[in-house]
Amino acid sequence: MDKHIGKSWGKHLIIDLHQASHLNDMSLMKAAINDIIKQTQTTLLFENFHHFQPSGITGIACLAESHISVHTWPEDHFAAFDIFMCGQAQPELALAILQQYFGGVATVTTLHRGR
Protein backbone atom coordinates (compact mmCIF):
# COMPACT_ATOMS: atom_id res chain seq x y z
CA MET A 1 0.00 0.00 0.00
CA ASP A 2 1.24 3.48 -0.87
CA LYS A 3 2.44 5.25 2.29
CA HIS A 4 0.97 8.55 1.02
CA ILE A 5 -2.62 7.28 0.77
CA GLY A 6 -4.60 8.74 3.64
CA LYS A 7 -2.05 11.46 4.36
CA SER A 8 -3.49 14.95 4.69
CA TRP A 9 -1.87 17.28 2.18
CA GLY A 10 -3.68 20.33 3.49
CA LYS A 11 -7.00 21.93 4.33
CA HIS A 12 -9.32 23.26 1.67
CA LEU A 13 -12.03 25.65 2.85
CA ILE A 14 -15.01 26.49 0.67
CA ILE A 15 -16.60 29.61 2.18
CA ASP A 16 -19.94 30.98 1.02
CA LEU A 17 -20.46 34.43 2.50
CA HIS A 18 -24.10 35.59 2.46
CA GLN A 19 -25.56 38.98 3.46
CA ALA A 20 -22.12 40.53 3.05
CA SER A 21 -21.24 44.17 2.34
CA HIS A 22 -18.55 46.04 0.36
CA LEU A 23 -18.14 43.19 -2.14
CA ASN A 24 -17.52 45.60 -5.01
CA ASP A 25 -14.62 47.38 -3.27
CA MET A 26 -11.44 46.17 -4.98
CA SER A 27 -9.02 47.82 -2.55
CA LEU A 28 -10.88 46.35 0.43
CA MET A 29 -10.89 42.89 -1.17
CA LYS A 30 -7.15 43.03 -1.79
CA ALA A 31 -6.59 44.22 1.77
CA ALA A 32 -8.66 41.32 3.15
CA ILE A 33 -6.77 38.76 1.05
CA ASN A 34 -3.43 40.24 2.08
CA ASP A 35 -4.51 40.21 5.73
CA ILE A 36 -5.34 36.49 5.39
CA ILE A 37 -1.90 35.88 3.89
CA LYS A 38 -0.24 37.78 6.73
CA GLN A 39 -2.26 36.12 9.52
CA THR A 40 -1.76 32.60 8.10
CA GLN A 41 1.95 33.28 7.56
CA THR A 42 1.78 32.09 3.98
CA THR A 43 3.82 33.28 1.01
CA LEU A 44 2.28 35.23 -1.87
CA LEU A 45 3.74 34.27 -5.26
CA PHE A 46 1.42 36.41 -7.40
CA GLU A 47 -2.11 37.74 -7.52
CA ASN A 48 -4.54 38.64 -10.28
CA PHE A 49 -7.85 40.44 -9.77
CA HIS A 50 -10.50 41.67 -12.17
CA HIS A 51 -13.27 44.18 -11.45
CA PHE A 52 -16.38 43.53 -13.53
CA GLN A 53 -18.60 46.38 -14.71
CA PRO A 54 -20.95 47.38 -13.29
CA SER A 55 -20.10 45.18 -10.32
CA GLY A 56 -18.33 42.09 -9.12
CA ILE A 57 -14.80 40.97 -8.40
CA THR A 58 -12.95 37.81 -9.27
CA GLY A 59 -9.44 37.13 -8.16
CA ILE A 60 -6.79 34.70 -7.11
CA ALA A 61 -3.77 34.87 -4.87
CA CYS A 62 -1.33 32.10 -5.75
CA LEU A 63 0.57 31.04 -2.64
CA ALA A 64 3.62 28.87 -2.14
CA GLU A 65 1.22 26.90 0.08
CA SER A 66 -1.54 26.81 -2.60
CA HIS A 67 -4.18 29.52 -3.24
CA ILE A 68 -6.99 31.87 -2.21
CA SER A 69 -9.67 32.67 -4.78
CA VAL A 70 -12.80 34.82 -4.68
CA HIS A 71 -15.80 35.63 -6.83
CA THR A 72 -18.40 38.19 -5.71
CA TRP A 73 -21.98 39.05 -6.58
CA PRO A 74 -22.40 42.42 -4.80
CA GLU A 75 -25.97 42.85 -6.03
CA ASP A 76 -26.87 39.66 -4.15
CA HIS A 77 -24.58 40.35 -1.16
CA PHE A 78 -22.81 37.03 -1.85
CA ALA A 79 -19.16 36.01 -2.19
CA ALA A 80 -17.59 32.61 -2.81
CA PHE A 81 -14.11 32.03 -1.40
CA ASP A 82 -11.88 29.03 -2.00
CA ILE A 83 -8.92 28.74 0.37
CA PHE A 84 -6.49 25.84 0.11
CA MET A 85 -3.36 25.75 2.22
CA CYS A 86 -0.91 22.93 2.83
CA GLY A 87 1.77 22.42 5.41
CA GLN A 88 1.28 24.00 8.82
CA ALA A 89 -0.85 26.89 7.51
CA GLN A 90 -4.22 27.40 9.20
CA PRO A 91 -6.74 28.49 6.55
CA GLU A 92 -9.54 28.53 9.14
CA LEU A 93 -8.08 31.86 10.38
CA ALA A 94 -9.48 33.39 7.17
CA LEU A 95 -13.09 33.14 8.32
CA ALA A 96 -12.85 35.78 11.06
CA ILE A 97 -10.87 38.05 8.74
CA LEU A 98 -13.47 37.82 5.97
CA GLN A 99 -16.30 38.53 8.40
CA GLN A 100 -14.35 41.48 9.84
CA TYR A 101 -14.01 43.03 6.37
CA PHE A 102 -17.36 42.09 4.83
CA GLY A 103 -19.70 41.01 7.63
CA GLY A 104 -22.29 38.49 6.60
CA VAL A 105 -23.13 34.93 7.46
CA ALA A 106 -20.69 32.21 6.44
CA THR A 107 -21.23 28.62 5.42
CA VAL A 108 -17.96 26.71 5.52
CA THR A 109 -17.09 23.32 4.06
CA THR A 110 -13.70 21.95 5.06
CA LEU A 111 -11.97 19.28 3.01
CA HIS A 112 -8.85 17.49 4.17
CA ARG A 113 -7.06 16.92 0.88
CA GLY A 114 -5.45 13.55 0.28
CA ARG A 115 -7.46 11.57 2.81
C-alpha atoms as a PDB file:
ATOM      1  CA  MET A   1       0.000   0.000   0.000  1.00  0.00           C
ATOM      2  CA  ASP A   2       1.236   3.483  -0.867  1.00  0.00           C
ATOM      3  CA  LYS A   3       2.437   5.254   2.290  1.00  0.00           C
ATOM      4  CA  HIS A   4       0.970   8.549   1.022  1.00  0.00           C
ATOM      5  CA  ILE A   5      -2.617   7.284   0.772  1.00  0.00           C
ATOM      6  CA  GLY A   6      -4.596   8.744   3.644  1.00  0.00           C
ATOM      7  CA  LYS A   7      -2.050  11.460   4.364  1.00  0.00           C
ATOM      8  CA  SER A   8      -3.495  14.949   4.693  1.00  0.00           C
ATOM      9  CA  TRP A   9      -1.869  17.278   2.182  1.00  0.00           C
ATOM     10  CA  GLY A  10      -3.683  20.334   3.494  1.00  0.00           C
ATOM     11  CA  LYS A  11      -6.995  21.926   4.335  1.00  0.00           C
ATOM     12  CA  HIS A  12      -9.316  23.264   1.668  1.00  0.00           C
ATOM     13  CA  LEU A  13     -12.030  25.654   2.846  1.00  0.00           C
ATOM     14  CA  ILE A  14     -15.013  26.491   0.674  1.00  0.00           C
ATOM     15  CA  ILE A  15     -16.596  29.608   2.184  1.00  0.00           C
ATOM     16  CA  ASP A  16     -19.943  30.977   1.021  1.00  0.00           C
ATOM     17  CA  LEU A  17     -20.465  34.430   2.504  1.00  0.00           C
ATOM     18  CA  HIS A  18     -24.102  35.589   2.462  1.00  0.00           C
ATOM     19  CA  GLN A  19     -25.561  38.976   3.464  1.00  0.00           C
ATOM     20  CA  ALA A  20     -22.120  40.532   3.049  1.00  0.00           C
ATOM     21  CA  SER A  21     -21.236  44.172   2.338  1.00  0.00           C
ATOM     22  CA  HIS A  22     -18.549  46.036   0.363  1.00  0.00           C
ATOM     23  CA  LEU A  23     -18.143  43.190  -2.140  1.00  0.00           C
ATOM     24  CA  ASN A  24     -17.520  45.599  -5.007  1.00  0.00           C
ATOM     25  CA  ASP A  25     -14.624  47.384  -3.273  1.00  0.00           C
ATOM     26  CA  MET A  26     -11.442  46.167  -4.975  1.00  0.00           C
ATOM     27  CA  SER A  27      -9.019  47.825  -2.550  1.00  0.00           C
ATOM     28  CA  LEU A  28     -10.883  46.349   0.426  1.00  0.00           C
ATOM     29  CA  MET A  29     -10.894  42.888  -1.172  1.00  0.00           C
ATOM     30  CA  LYS A  30      -7.153  43.026  -1.795  1.00  0.00           C
ATOM     31  CA  ALA A  31      -6.592  44.216   1.774  1.00  0.00           C
ATOM     32  CA  ALA A  32      -8.661  41.317   3.147  1.00  0.00           C
ATOM     33  CA  ILE A  33      -6.771  38.757   1.054  1.00  0.00           C
ATOM     34  CA  ASN A  34      -3.426  40.244   2.078  1.00  0.00           C
ATOM     35  CA  ASP A  35      -4.510  40.206   5.727  1.00  0.00           C
ATOM     36  CA  ILE A  36      -5.345  36.491   5.386  1.00  0.00           C
ATOM     37  CA  ILE A  37      -1.901  35.879   3.887  1.00  0.00           C
ATOM     38  CA  LYS A  38      -0.245  37.784   6.733  1.00  0.00           C
ATOM     39  CA  GLN A  39      -2.258  36.119   9.515  1.00  0.00           C
ATOM     40  CA  THR A  40      -1.759  32.605   8.104  1.00  0.00           C
ATOM     41  CA  GLN A  41       1.948  33.281   7.558  1.00  0.00           C
ATOM     42  CA  THR A  42       1.775  32.086   3.977  1.00  0.00           C
ATOM     43  CA  THR A  43       3.824  33.284   1.009  1.00  0.00           C
ATOM     44  CA  LEU A  44       2.282  35.231  -1.866  1.00  0.00           C
ATOM     45  CA  LEU A  45       3.742  34.266  -5.256  1.00  0.00           C
ATOM     46  CA  PHE A  46       1.417  36.410  -7.399  1.00  0.00           C
ATOM     47  CA  GLU A  47      -2.113  37.744  -7.519  1.00  0.00           C
ATOM     48  CA  ASN A  48      -4.535  38.642 -10.282  1.00  0.00           C
ATOM     49  CA  PHE A  49      -7.847  40.437  -9.769  1.00  0.00           C
ATOM     50  CA  HIS A  50     -10.500  41.670 -12.167  1.00  0.00           C
ATOM     51  CA  HIS A  51     -13.274  44.181 -11.450  1.00  0.00           C
ATOM     52  CA  PHE A  52     -16.382  43.534 -13.531  1.00  0.00           C
ATOM     53  CA  GLN A  53     -18.604  46.381 -14.706  1.00  0.00           C
ATOM     54  CA  PRO A  54     -20.950  47.376 -13.291  1.00  0.00           C
ATOM     55  CA  SER A  55     -20.102  45.176 -10.317  1.00  0.00           C
ATOM     56  CA  GLY A  56     -18.327  42.088  -9.115  1.00  0.00           C
ATOM     57  CA  ILE A  57     -14.800  40.969  -8.397  1.00  0.00           C
ATOM     58  CA  THR A  58     -12.948  37.814  -9.274  1.00  0.00           C
ATOM     59  CA  GLY A  59      -9.440  37.128  -8.157  1.00  0.00           C
ATOM     60  CA  ILE A  60      -6.786  34.704  -7.108  1.00  0.00           C
ATOM     61  CA  ALA A  61      -3.766  34.866  -4.871  1.00  0.00           C
ATOM     62  CA  CYS A  62      -1.331  32.097  -5.746  1.00  0.00           C
ATOM     63  CA  LEU A  63       0.568  31.042  -2.640  1.00  0.00           C
ATOM     64  CA  ALA A  64       3.616  28.872  -2.137  1.00  0.00           C
ATOM     65  CA  GLU A  65       1.216  26.902   0.083  1.00  0.00           C
ATOM     66  CA  SER A  66      -1.540  26.813  -2.604  1.00  0.00           C
ATOM     67  CA  HIS A  67      -4.183  29.524  -3.239  1.00  0.00           C
ATOM     68  CA  ILE A  68      -6.990  31.866  -2.209  1.00  0.00           C
ATOM     69  CA  SER A  69      -9.673  32.672  -4.777  1.00  0.00           C
ATOM     70  CA  VAL A  70     -12.799  34.819  -4.681  1.00  0.00           C
ATOM     71  CA  HIS A  71     -15.795  35.630  -6.832  1.00  0.00           C
ATOM     72  CA  THR A  72     -18.397  38.189  -5.707  1.00  0.00           C
ATOM     73  CA  TRP A  73     -21.979  39.055  -6.576  1.00  0.00           C
ATOM     74  CA  PRO A  74     -22.395  42.416  -4.798  1.00  0.00           C
ATOM     75  CA  GLU A  75     -25.973  42.850  -6.026  1.00  0.00           C
ATOM     76  CA  ASP A  76     -26.870  39.659  -4.147  1.00  0.00           C
ATOM     77  CA  HIS A  77     -24.577  40.349  -1.157  1.00  0.00           C
ATOM     78  CA  PHE A  78     -22.805  37.033  -1.848  1.00  0.00           C
ATOM     79  CA  ALA A  79     -19.164  36.009  -2.189  1.00  0.00           C
ATOM     80  CA  ALA A  80     -17.587  32.610  -2.811  1.00  0.00           C
ATOM     81  CA  PHE A  81     -14.109  32.031  -1.403  1.00  0.00           C
ATOM     82  CA  ASP A  82     -11.878  29.026  -2.001  1.00  0.00           C
ATOM     83  CA  ILE A  83      -8.924  28.739   0.369  1.00  0.00           C
ATOM     84  CA  PHE A  84      -6.494  25.837   0.111  1.00  0.00           C
ATOM     85  CA  MET A  85      -3.355  25.749   2.223  1.00  0.00           C
ATOM     86  CA  CYS A  86      -0.914  22.932   2.827  1.00  0.00           C
ATOM     87  CA  GLY A  87       1.770  22.416   5.412  1.00  0.00           C
ATOM     88  CA  GLN A  88       1.283  24.002   8.821  1.00  0.00           C
ATOM     89  CA  ALA A  89      -0.855  26.895   7.513  1.00  0.00           C
ATOM     90  CA  GLN A  90      -4.223  27.399   9.201  1.00  0.00           C
ATOM     91  CA  PRO A  91      -6.737  28.494   6.545  1.00  0.00           C
ATOM     92  CA  GLU A  92      -9.540  28.534   9.140  1.00  0.00           C
ATOM     93  CA  LEU A  93      -8.083  31.863  10.376  1.00  0.00           C
ATOM     94  CA  ALA A  94      -9.475  33.390   7.171  1.00  0.00           C
ATOM     95  CA  LEU A  95     -13.086  33.140   8.322  1.00  0.00           C
ATOM     96  CA  ALA A  96     -12.847  35.781  11.063  1.00  0.00           C
ATOM     97  CA  ILE A  97     -10.875  38.052   8.741  1.00  0.00           C
ATOM     98  CA  LEU A  98     -13.474  37.822   5.969  1.00  0.00           C
ATOM     99  CA  GLN A  99     -16.297  38.534   8.401  1.00  0.00           C
ATOM    100  CA  GLN A 100     -14.355  41.479   9.838  1.00  0.00           C
ATOM    101  CA  TYR A 101     -14.009  43.032   6.369  1.00  0.00           C
ATOM    102  CA  PHE A 102     -17.357  42.087   4.827  1.00  0.00           C
ATOM    103  CA  GLY A 103     -19.704  41.012   7.627  1.00  0.00           C
ATOM    104  CA  GLY A 104     -22.287  38.487   6.599  1.00  0.00           C
ATOM    105  CA  VAL A 105     -23.127  34.926   7.462  1.00  0.00           C
ATOM    106  CA  ALA A 106     -20.693  32.212   6.438  1.00  0.00           C
ATOM    107  CA  THR A 107     -21.232  28.623   5.420  1.00  0.00           C
ATOM    108  CA  VAL A 108     -17.961  26.706   5.523  1.00  0.00           C
ATOM    109  CA  THR A 109     -17.090  23.317   4.056  1.00  0.00           C
ATOM    110  CA  THR A 110     -13.702  21.946   5.056  1.00  0.00           C
ATOM    111  CA  LEU A 111     -11.972  19.276   3.014  1.00  0.00           C
ATOM    112  CA  HIS A 112      -8.852  17.488   4.169  1.00  0.00           C
ATOM    113  CA  ARG A 113      -7.060  16.922   0.884  1.00  0.00           C
ATOM    114  CA  GLY A 114      -5.455  13.545   0.282  1.00  0.00           C
ATOM    115  CA  ARG A 115      -7.460  11.570   2.815  1.00  0.00           C
END
